Amino acid sequence: MAALPHNPQYVTLPRKDYEWLLACYWSPMTGMRDVAVDLLAEWGHDPADHSELLDEMEIELSGALVDTAADLMRDRGLPDLRVTPPA
């Protein structure tokens, strides 16, 4: 196996960890494409003209909701039990 060059902007993950993250965090949440369509229409654009942007917005909106929900749970003192087992 060839050595990977060190670049502080990137990390290397085992494939199983990458696949887990992909499944948990980078999968679009139900309804986020509809929100993206509504946002584009609200700004006066035809969503049908922006399919690549809709794809990106669907992922970004999903991620933003997950991050916000996680922040709220942490703010209320709830630990992530996937990482820190209960005492």
PDB file of N, CA and C in Angstrom:
ATOM      1  N   MET A   1       0.842  -1.176   0.000  1.00  0.00           N
ATOM      2  CA  MET A   1       0.000   0.000   0.000  1.00  0.00           C
ATOM      3  C   MET A   1       0.890   1.243   0.000  1.00  0.00           C
ATOM      4  N   ALA A   2       0.597   2.175  -0.869  1.00  0.00           N
ATOM      5  CA  ALA A   2       1.390   3.399  -0.968  1.00  0.00           C
ATOM      6  C   ALA A   2       1.054   4.337   0.183  1.00  0.00           C
ATOM      7  N   ALA A   3       2.060   5.055   0.639  1.00  0.00           N
ATOM      8  CA  ALA A   3       1.846   6.027   1.713  1.00  0.00           C
ATOM      9  C   ALA A   3       1.092   7.234   1.163  1.00  0.00           C
ATOM     10  N   LEU A   4       0.159   7.720   1.938  1.00  0.00           N
ATOM     11  CA  LEU A   4      -0.586   8.907   1.546  1.00  0.00           C
ATOM     12  C   LEU A   4       0.151  10.148   2.021  1.00  0.00           C
ATOM     13  N   PRO A   5       0.229  11.181   1.197  1.00  0.00           N
ATOM     14  CA  PRO A   5       0.889  12.409   1.647  1.00  0.00           C
ATOM     15  C   PRO A   5       0.083  13.071   2.758  1.00  0.00           C
ATOM     16  N   HIS A   6       0.776  13.713   3.682  1.00  0.00           N
ATOM     17  CA  HIS A   6       0.092  14.392   4.778  1.00  0.00           C
ATOM     18  C   HIS A   6      -0.477  15.719   4.284  1.00  0.00           C
ATOM     19  N   ASN A   7      -1.739  15.918   4.504  1.00  0.00           N
ATOM     20  CA  ASN A   7      -2.390  17.188   4.182  1.00  0.00           C
ATOM     21  C   ASN A   7      -3.340  17.469   5.331  1.00  0.00           C
ATOM     22  N   PRO A   8      -3.115  18.549   6.095  1.00  0.00           N
ATOM     23  CA  PRO A   8      -3.942  18.805   7.278  1.00  0.00           C
ATOM     24  C   PRO A   8      -5.410  19.111   6.961  1.00  0.00           C
ATOM     25  N   GLN A   9      -5.726  19.335   5.691  1.00  0.00           N
ATOM     26  CA  GLN A   9      -7.123  19.614   5.328  1.00  0.00           C
ATOM     27  C   GLN A   9      -7.925  18.339   5.103  1.00  0.00           C
ATOM     28  N   TYR A  10      -7.266  17.185   5.101  1.00  0.00           N
ATOM     29  CA  TYR A  10      -7.947  15.927   4.833  1.00  0.00           C
ATOM     30  C   TYR A  10      -7.599  14.902   5.899  1.00  0.00           C
ATOM     31  N   VAL A  11      -8.517  13.981   6.124  1.00  0.00           N
ATOM     32  CA  VAL A  11      -8.259  12.857   7.021  1.00  0.00           C
ATOM     33  C   VAL A  11      -8.584  11.573   6.270  1.00  0.00           C
ATOM     34  N   THR A  12      -7.984  10.504   6.710  1.00  0.00           N
ATOM     35  CA  THR A  12      -8.250   9.202   6.115  1.00  0.00           C
ATOM     36  C   THR A  12      -9.023   8.373   7.131  1.00  0.00           C
ATOM     37  N   LEU A  13     -10.118   7.801   6.685  1.00  0.00           N
ATOM     38  CA  LEU A  13     -10.957   6.979   7.549  1.00  0.00           C
ATOM     39  C   LEU A  13     -10.975   5.546   7.040  1.00  0.00           C
ATOM     40  N   PRO A  14     -11.104   4.587   7.938  1.00  0.00           N
ATOM     41  CA  PRO A  14     -11.365   3.226   7.470  1.00  0.00           C
ATOM     42  C   PRO A  14     -12.683   3.210   6.686  1.00  0.00           C
ATOM     43  N   ARG A  15     -12.765   2.386   5.659  1.00  0.00           N
ATOM     44  CA  ARG A  15     -13.940   2.356   4.791  1.00  0.00           C
ATOM     45  C   ARG A  15     -15.223   2.157   5.593  1.00  0.00           C
ATOM     46  N   LYS A  16     -15.210   1.279   6.609  1.00  0.00           N
ATOM     47  CA  LYS A  16     -16.439   1.031   7.380  1.00  0.00           C
ATOM     48  C   LYS A  16     -16.896   2.304   8.092  1.00  0.00           C
ATOM     49  N   ASP A  17     -15.955   3.103   8.586  1.00  0.00           N
ATOM     50  CA  ASP A  17     -16.327   4.355   9.247  1.00  0.00           C
ATOM     51  C   ASP A  17     -16.870   5.365   8.240  1.00  0.00           C
ATOM     52  N   TYR A  18     -16.242   5.426   7.074  1.00  0.00           N
ATOM     53  CA  TYR A  18     -16.712   6.322   6.027  1.00  0.00           C
ATOM     54  C   TYR A  18     -18.134   5.946   5.605  1.00  0.00           C
ATOM     55  N   GLU A  19     -18.374   4.655   5.402  1.00  0.00           N
ATOM     56  CA  GLU A  19     -19.696   4.201   4.974  1.00  0.00           C
ATOM     57  C   GLU A  19     -20.746   4.488   6.049  1.00  0.00           C
ATOM     58  N   TRP A  20     -20.359   4.347   7.318  1.00  0.00           N
ATOM     59  CA  TRP A  20     -21.289   4.652   8.406  1.00  0.00           C
ATOM     60  C   TRP A  20     -21.636   6.137   8.395  1.00  0.00           C
ATOM     61  N   LEU A  21     -20.625   6.984   8.261  1.00  0.00           N
ATOM     62  CA  LEU A  21     -20.869   8.430   8.203  1.00  0.00           C
ATOM     63  C   LEU A  21     -21.718   8.786   6.991  1.00  0.00           C
ATOM     64  N   LEU A  22     -21.425   8.170   5.877  1.00  0.00           N
ATOM     65  CA  LEU A  22     -22.183   8.440   4.664  1.00  0.00           C
ATOM     66  C   LEU A  22     -23.658   8.095   4.871  1.00  0.00           C
ATOM     67  N   ALA A  23     -23.910   6.959   5.479  1.00  0.00           N
ATOM     68  CA  ALA A  23     -25.287   6.527   5.698  1.00  0.00           C
ATOM     69  C   ALA A  23     -25.997   7.402   6.728  1.00  0.00           C
ATOM     70  N   CYS A  24     -25.306   7.788   7.784  1.00  0.00           N
ATOM     71  CA  CYS A  24     -25.942   8.531   8.873  1.00  0.00           C
ATOM     72  C   CYS A  24     -26.061  10.016   8.619  1.00  0.00           C
ATOM     73  N   TYR A  25     -25.028  10.608   8.069  1.00  0.00           N
ATOM     74  CA  TYR A  25     -24.988  12.062   8.027  1.00  0.00           C
ATOM     75  C   TYR A  25     -25.151  12.667   6.647  1.00  0.00           C
ATOM     76  N   TRP A  26     -24.830  11.925   5.623  1.00  0.00           N
ATOM     77  CA  TRP A  26     -24.852  12.536   4.302  1.00  0.00           C
ATOM     78  C   TRP A  26     -26.024  12.068   3.467  1.00  0.00           C
ATOM     79  N   SER A  27     -26.923  11.308   4.051  1.00  0.00           N
ATOM     80  CA  SER A  27     -28.123  10.906   3.339  1.00  0.00           C
ATOM     81  C   SER A  27     -29.159  12.010   3.498  1.00  0.00           C
ATOM     82  N   PRO A  28     -29.799  12.391   2.404  1.00  0.00           N
ATOM     83  CA  PRO A  28     -30.808  13.455   2.513  1.00  0.00           C
ATOM     84  C   PRO A  28     -31.962  13.028   3.419  1.00  0.00           C
ATOM     85  N   MET A  29     -32.465  13.975   4.173  1.00  0.00           N
ATOM     86  CA  MET A  29     -33.614  13.717   5.035  1.00  0.00           C
ATOM     87  C   MET A  29     -34.892  13.918   4.234  1.00  0.00           C
ATOM     88  N   THR A  30     -35.912  13.169   4.590  1.00  0.00           N
ATOM     89  CA  THR A  30     -37.202  13.278   3.924  1.00  0.00           C
ATOM     90  C   THR A  30     -37.703  14.715   3.967  1.00  0.00           C
ATOM     91  N   GLY A  31     -38.135  15.209   2.836  1.00  0.00           N
ATOM     92  CA  GLY A  31     -38.741  16.531   2.765  1.00  0.00           C
ATOM     93  C   GLY A  31     -37.789  17.674   2.470  1.00  0.00           C
ATOM     94  N   MET A  32     -36.473  17.416   2.531  1.00  0.00           N
ATOM     95  CA  MET A  32     -35.522  18.516   2.334  1.00  0.00           C
ATOM     96  C   MET A  32     -35.494  19.011   0.895  1.00  0.00           C
ATOM     97  N   ARG A  33     -35.752  18.126  -0.068  1.00  0.00           N
ATOM     98  CA  ARG A  33     -35.826  18.574  -1.459  1.00  0.00           C
ATOM     99  C   ARG A  33     -37.022  19.497  -1.640  1.00  0.00           C
ATOM    100  N   ASP A  34     -38.130  19.185  -0.983  1.00  0.00           N
ATOM    101  CA  ASP A  34     -39.310  20.049  -1.057  1.00  0.00           C
ATOM    102  C   ASP A  34     -39.015  21.432  -0.479  1.00  0.00           C
ATOM    103  N   VAL A  35     -38.255  21.465   0.616  1.00  0.00           N
ATOM    104  CA  VAL A  35     -37.872  22.752   1.213  1.00  0.00           C
ATOM    105  C   VAL A  35     -37.005  23.525   0.230  1.00  0.00           C
ATOM    106  N   ALA A  36     -36.068  22.844  -0.418  1.00  0.00           N
ATOM    107  CA  ALA A  36     -35.199  23.507  -1.399  1.00  0.00           C
ATOM    108  C   ALA A  36     -36.011  24.058  -2.563  1.00  0.00           C
ATOM    109  N   VAL A  37     -36.972  23.282  -3.047  1.00  0.00           N
ATOM    110  CA  VAL A  37     -37.849  23.747  -4.131  1.00  0.00           C
ATOM    111  C   VAL A  37     -38.589  25.007  -3.697  1.00  0.00           C
ATOM    112  N   ASP A  38     -39.133  24.978  -2.493  1.00  0.00           N
ATOM    113  CA  ASP A  38     -39.870  26.139  -1.981  1.00  0.00           C
ATOM    114  C   ASP A  38     -38.972  27.364  -1.834  1.00  0.00           C
ATOM    115  N   LEU A  39     -37.733  27.165  -1.379  1.00  0.00           N
ATOM    116  CA  LEU A  39     -36.813  28.291  -1.234  1.00  0.00           C
ATOM    117  C   LEU A  39     -36.479  28.916  -2.592  1.00  0.00           C
ATOM    118  N   LEU A  40     -36.206  28.073  -3.574  1.00  0.00           N
ATOM    119  CA  LEU A  40     -35.924  28.597  -4.913  1.00  0.00           C
ATOM    120  C   LEU A  40     -37.126  29.360  -5.465  1.00  0.00           C
ATOM    121  N   ALA A  41     -38.313  28.790  -5.309  1.00  0.00           N
ATOM    122  CA  ALA A  41     -39.528  29.453  -5.792  1.00  0.00           C
ATOM    123  C   ALA A  41     -39.753  30.768  -5.054  1.00  0.00           C
ATOM    124  N   GLU A  42     -39.488  30.774  -3.753  1.00  0.00           N
ATOM    125  CA  GLU A  42     -39.634  31.994  -2.953  1.00  0.00           C
ATOM    126  C   GLU A  42     -38.724  33.107  -3.472  1.00  0.00           C
ATOM    127  N   TRP A  43     -37.572  32.729  -3.975  1.00  0.00           N
ATOM    128  CA  TRP A  43     -36.624  33.701  -4.516  1.00  0.00           C
ATOM    129  C   TRP A  43     -36.940  34.052  -5.972  1.00  0.00           C
ATOM    130  N   GLY A  44     -38.010  33.469  -6.502  1.00  0.00           N
ATOM    131  CA  GLY A  44     -38.452  33.810  -7.851  1.00  0.00           C
ATOM    132  C   GLY A  44     -37.823  32.984  -8.957  1.00  0.00           C
ATOM    133  N   HIS A  45     -37.210  31.854  -8.598  1.00  0.00           N
ATOM    134  CA  HIS A  45     -36.559  31.007  -9.602  1.00  0.00           C
ATOM    135  C   HIS A  45     -37.388  29.759  -9.847  1.00  0.00           C
ATOM    136  N   ASP A  46     -37.284  29.230 -11.057  1.00  0.00           N
ATOM    137  CA  ASP A  46     -37.967  27.983 -11.398  1.00  0.00           C
ATOM    138  C   ASP A  46     -37.071  26.825 -10.968  1.00  0.00           C
ATOM    139  N   PRO A  47     -37.480  26.055  -9.975  1.00  0.00           N
ATOM    140  CA  PRO A  47     -36.649  24.941  -9.493  1.00  0.00           C
ATOM    141  C   PRO A  47     -36.266  23.949 -10.592  1.00  0.00           C
ATOM    142  N   ALA A  48     -37.106  23.801 -11.602  1.00  0.00           N
ATOM    143  CA  ALA A  48     -36.803  22.870 -12.697  1.00  0.00           C
ATOM    144  C   ALA A  48     -35.541  23.274 -13.452  1.00  0.00           C
ATOM    145  N   ASP A  49     -35.154  24.524 -13.366  1.00  0.00           N
ATOM    146  CA  ASP A  49     -33.954  25.015 -14.045  1.00  0.00           C
ATOM    147  C   ASP A  49     -32.680  24.820 -13.222  1.00  0.00           C
ATOM    148  N   HIS A  50     -32.808  24.277 -12.023  1.00  0.00           N
ATOM    149  CA  HIS A  50     -31.662  24.219 -11.104  1.00  0.00           C
ATOM    150  C   HIS A  50     -31.547  22.862 -10.420  1.00  0.00           C
ATOM    151  N   SER A  51     -31.550  21.786 -11.206  1.00  0.00           N
ATOM    152  CA  SER A  51     -31.552  20.439 -10.607  1.00  0.00           C
ATOM    153  C   SER A  51     -30.272  20.153  -9.812  1.00  0.00           C
ATOM    154  N   GLU A  52     -29.109  20.605 -10.305  1.00  0.00           N
ATOM    155  CA  GLU A  52     -27.870  20.361  -9.548  1.00  0.00           C
ATOM    156  C   GLU A  52     -27.870  21.137  -8.236  1.00  0.00           C
ATOM    157  N   LEU A  53     -28.361  22.354  -8.262  1.00  0.00           N
ATOM    158  CA  LEU A  53     -28.455  23.149  -7.034  1.00  0.00           C
ATOM    159  C   LEU A  53     -29.421  22.490  -6.050  1.00  0.00           C
ATOM    160  N   LEU A  54     -30.524  21.958  -6.548  1.00  0.00           N
ATOM    161  CA  LEU A  54     -31.476  21.263  -5.671  1.00  0.00           C
ATOM    162  C   LEU A  54     -30.807  20.073  -4.981  1.00  0.00           C
ATOM    163  N   ASP A  55     -29.991  19.323  -5.731  1.00  0.00           N
ATOM    164  CA  ASP A  55     -29.272  18.190  -5.135  1.00  0.00           C
ATOM    165  C   ASP A  55     -28.382  18.664  -3.986  1.00  0.00           C
ATOM    166  N   GLU A  56     -27.643  19.748  -4.219  1.00  0.00           N
ATOM    167  CA  GLU A  56     -26.751  20.277  -3.193  1.00  0.00           C
ATOM    168  C   GLU A  56     -27.530  20.822  -2.002  1.00  0.00           C
ATOM    169  N   MET A  57     -28.602  21.549  -2.276  1.00  0.00           N
ATOM    170  CA  MET A  57     -29.401  22.134  -1.199  1.00  0.00           C
ATOM    171  C   MET A  57     -30.035  21.051  -0.328  1.00  0.00           C
ATOM    172  N   GLU A  58     -30.468  19.964  -0.953  1.00  0.00           N
ATOM    173  CA  GLU A  58     -31.086  18.860  -0.211  1.00  0.00           C
ATOM    174  C   GLU A  58     -30.108  18.306   0.830  1.00  0.00           C
ATOM    175  N   ILE A  59     -28.854  18.120   0.430  1.00  0.00           N
ATOM    176  CA  ILE A  59     -27.832  17.613   1.346  1.00  0.00           C
ATOM    177  C   ILE A  59     -27.509  18.651   2.419  1.00  0.00           C
ATOM    178  N   GLU A  60     -27.321  19.904   1.997  1.00  0.00           N
ATOM    179  CA  GLU A  60     -26.956  20.962   2.949  1.00  0.00           C
ATOM    180  C   GLU A  60     -28.058  21.192   3.985  1.00  0.00           C
ATOM    181  N   LEU A  61     -29.300  21.218   3.545  1.00  0.00           N
ATOM    182  CA  LEU A  61     -30.408  21.408   4.486  1.00  0.00           C
ATOM    183  C   LEU A  61     -30.504  20.240   5.464  1.00  0.00           C
ATOM    184  N   SER A  62     -30.285  19.030   4.980  1.00  0.00           N
ATOM    185  CA  SER A  62     -30.301  17.853   5.854  1.00  0.00           C
ATOM    186  C   SER A  62     -29.215  17.966   6.903  1.00  0.00           C
ATOM    187  N   GLY A  63     -28.006  18.308   6.475  1.00  0.00           N
ATOM    188  CA  GLY A  63     -26.889  18.448   7.399  1.00  0.00           C
ATOM    189  C   GLY A  63     -27.117  19.540   8.419  1.00  0.00           C
ATOM    190  N   ALA A  64     -27.695  20.653   7.972  1.00  0.00           N
ATOM    191  CA  ALA A  64     -27.955  21.764   8.892  1.00  0.00           C
ATOM    192  C   ALA A  64     -28.948  21.347   9.973  1.00  0.00           C
ATOM    193  N   LEU A  65     -29.971  20.587   9.601  1.00  0.00           N
ATOM    194  CA  LEU A  65     -30.955  20.142  10.597  1.00  0.00           C
ATOM    195  C   LEU A  65     -30.333  19.181  11.599  1.00  0.00           C
ATOM    196  N   VAL A  66     -29.498  18.267  11.106  1.00  0.00           N
ATOM    197  CA  VAL A  66     -28.841  17.319  12.003  1.00  0.00           C
ATOM    198  C   VAL A  66     -27.928  18.066  12.970  1.00  0.00           C
ATOM    199  N   ASP A  67     -27.134  19.017  12.442  1.00  0.00           N
ATOM    200  CA  ASP A  67     -26.228  19.794  13.301  1.00  0.00           C
ATOM    201  C   ASP A  67     -26.995  20.591  14.344  1.00  0.00           C
ATOM    202  N   THR A  68     -28.075  21.230  13.921  1.00  0.00           N
ATOM    203  CA  THR A  68     -28.874  22.032  14.849  1.00  0.00           C
ATOM    204  C   THR A  68     -29.502  21.150  15.935  1.00  0.00           C
ATOM    205  N   ALA A  69     -30.048  20.020  15.536  1.00  0.00           N
ATOM    206  CA  ALA A  69     -30.651  19.109  16.513  1.00  0.00           C
ATOM    207  C   ALA A  69     -29.596  18.588  17.484  1.00  0.00           C
ATOM    208  N   ALA A  70     -28.411  18.248  16.962  1.00  0.00           N
ATOM    209  CA  ALA A  70     -27.339  17.758  17.832  1.00  0.00           C
ATOM    210  C   ALA A  70     -26.906  18.839  18.820  1.00  0.00           C
ATOM    211  N   ASP A  71     -26.809  20.082  18.344  1.00  0.00           N
ATOM    212  CA  ASP A  71     -26.449  21.192  19.239  1.00  0.00           C
ATOM    213  C   ASP A  71     -27.494  21.365  20.345  1.00  0.00           C
ATOM    214  N   LEU A  72     -28.763  21.272  19.986  1.00  0.00           N
ATOM    215  CA  LEU A  72     -29.828  21.417  20.989  1.00  0.00           C
ATOM    216  C   LEU A  72     -29.757  20.300  22.027  1.00  0.00           C
ATOM    217  N   MET A  73     -29.494  19.079  21.575  1.00  0.00           N
ATOM    218  CA  MET A  73     -29.391  17.960  22.517  1.00  0.00           C
ATOM    219  C   MET A  73     -28.207  18.163  23.458  1.00  0.00           C
ATOM    220  N   ARG A  74     -27.059  18.589  22.904  1.00  0.00           N
ATOM    221  CA  ARG A  74     -25.882  18.847  23.737  1.00  0.00           C
ATOM    222  C   ARG A  74     -26.150  19.982  24.727  1.00  0.00           C
ATOM    223  N   ASP A  75     -26.832  21.039  24.259  1.00  0.00           N
ATOM    224  CA  ASP A  75     -27.165  22.166  25.137  1.00  0.00           C
ATOM    225  C   ASP A  75     -28.012  21.732  26.324  1.00  0.00           C
ATOM    226  N   ARG A  76     -28.798  20.673  26.149  1.00  0.00           N
ATOM    227  CA  ARG A  76     -29.649  20.161  27.224  1.00  0.00           C
ATOM    228  C   ARG A  76     -28.944  19.091  28.050  1.00  0.00           C
ATOM    229  N   GLY A  77     -27.641  18.901  27.769  1.00  0.00           N
ATOM    230  CA  GLY A  77     -26.850  17.964  28.559  1.00  0.00           C
ATOM    231  C   GLY A  77     -26.939  16.509  28.131  1.00  0.00           C
ATOM    232  N   LEU A  78     -27.485  16.233  26.963  1.00  0.00           N
ATOM    233  CA  LEU A  78     -27.588  14.846  26.507  1.00  0.00           C
ATOM    234  C   LEU A  78     -26.307  14.439  25.803  1.00  0.00           C
ATOM    235  N   PRO A  79     -25.611  13.421  26.304  1.00  0.00           N
ATOM    236  CA  PRO A  79     -24.401  12.961  25.619  1.00  0.00           C
ATOM    237  C   PRO A  79     -24.773  12.094  24.409  1.00  0.00           C
ATOM    238  N   ASP A  80     -23.877  12.012  23.461  1.00  0.00           N
ATOM    239  CA  ASP A  80     -24.052  11.129  22.314  1.00  0.00           C
ATOM    240  C   ASP A  80     -23.667   9.719  22.768  1.00  0.00           C
ATOM    241  N   LEU A  81     -24.648   8.878  23.008  1.00  0.00           N
ATOM    242  CA  LEU A  81     -24.399   7.561  23.564  1.00  0.00           C
ATOM    243  C   LEU A  81     -23.726   6.609  22.581  1.00  0.00           C
ATOM    244  N   ARG A  82     -23.658   6.999  21.297  1.00  0.00           N
ATOM    245  CA  ARG A  82     -22.904   6.191  20.337  1.00  0.00           C
ATOM    246  C   ARG A  82     -21.412   6.326  20.610  1.00  0.00           C
ATOM    247  N   VAL A  83     -21.024   7.466  21.187  1.00  0.00           N
ATOM    248  CA  VAL A  83     -19.612   7.759  21.432  1.00  0.00           C
ATOM    249  C   VAL A  83     -19.263   7.558  22.907  1.00  0.00           C
ATOM    250  N   THR A  84     -20.104   8.076  23.788  1.00  0.00           N
ATOM    251  CA  THR A  84     -19.885   7.988  25.222  1.00  0.00           C
ATOM    252  C   THR A  84     -20.951   7.089  25.835  1.00  0.00           C
ATOM    253  N   PRO A  85     -20.587   5.879  26.226  1.00  0.00           N
ATOM    254  CA  PRO A  85     -21.584   4.974  26.810  1.00  0.00           C
ATOM    255  C   PRO A  85     -22.169   5.546  28.101  1.00  0.00           C
ATOM    256  N   PRO A  86     -23.409   5.179  28.420  1.00  0.00           N
ATOM    257  CA  PRO A  86     -24.020   5.667  29.655  1.00  0.00           C
ATOM    258  C   PRO A  86     -23.217   5.229  30.877  1.00  0.00           C
ATOM    259  N   ALA A  87     -23.230   6.062  31.885  1.00  0.00           N
ATOM    260  CA  ALA A  87     -22.462   5.766  33.118  1.00  0.00           C
ATOM    261  C   ALA A  87     -23.124   4.673  33.914  1.00  0.00           C
TER     262      ALA A  87
END
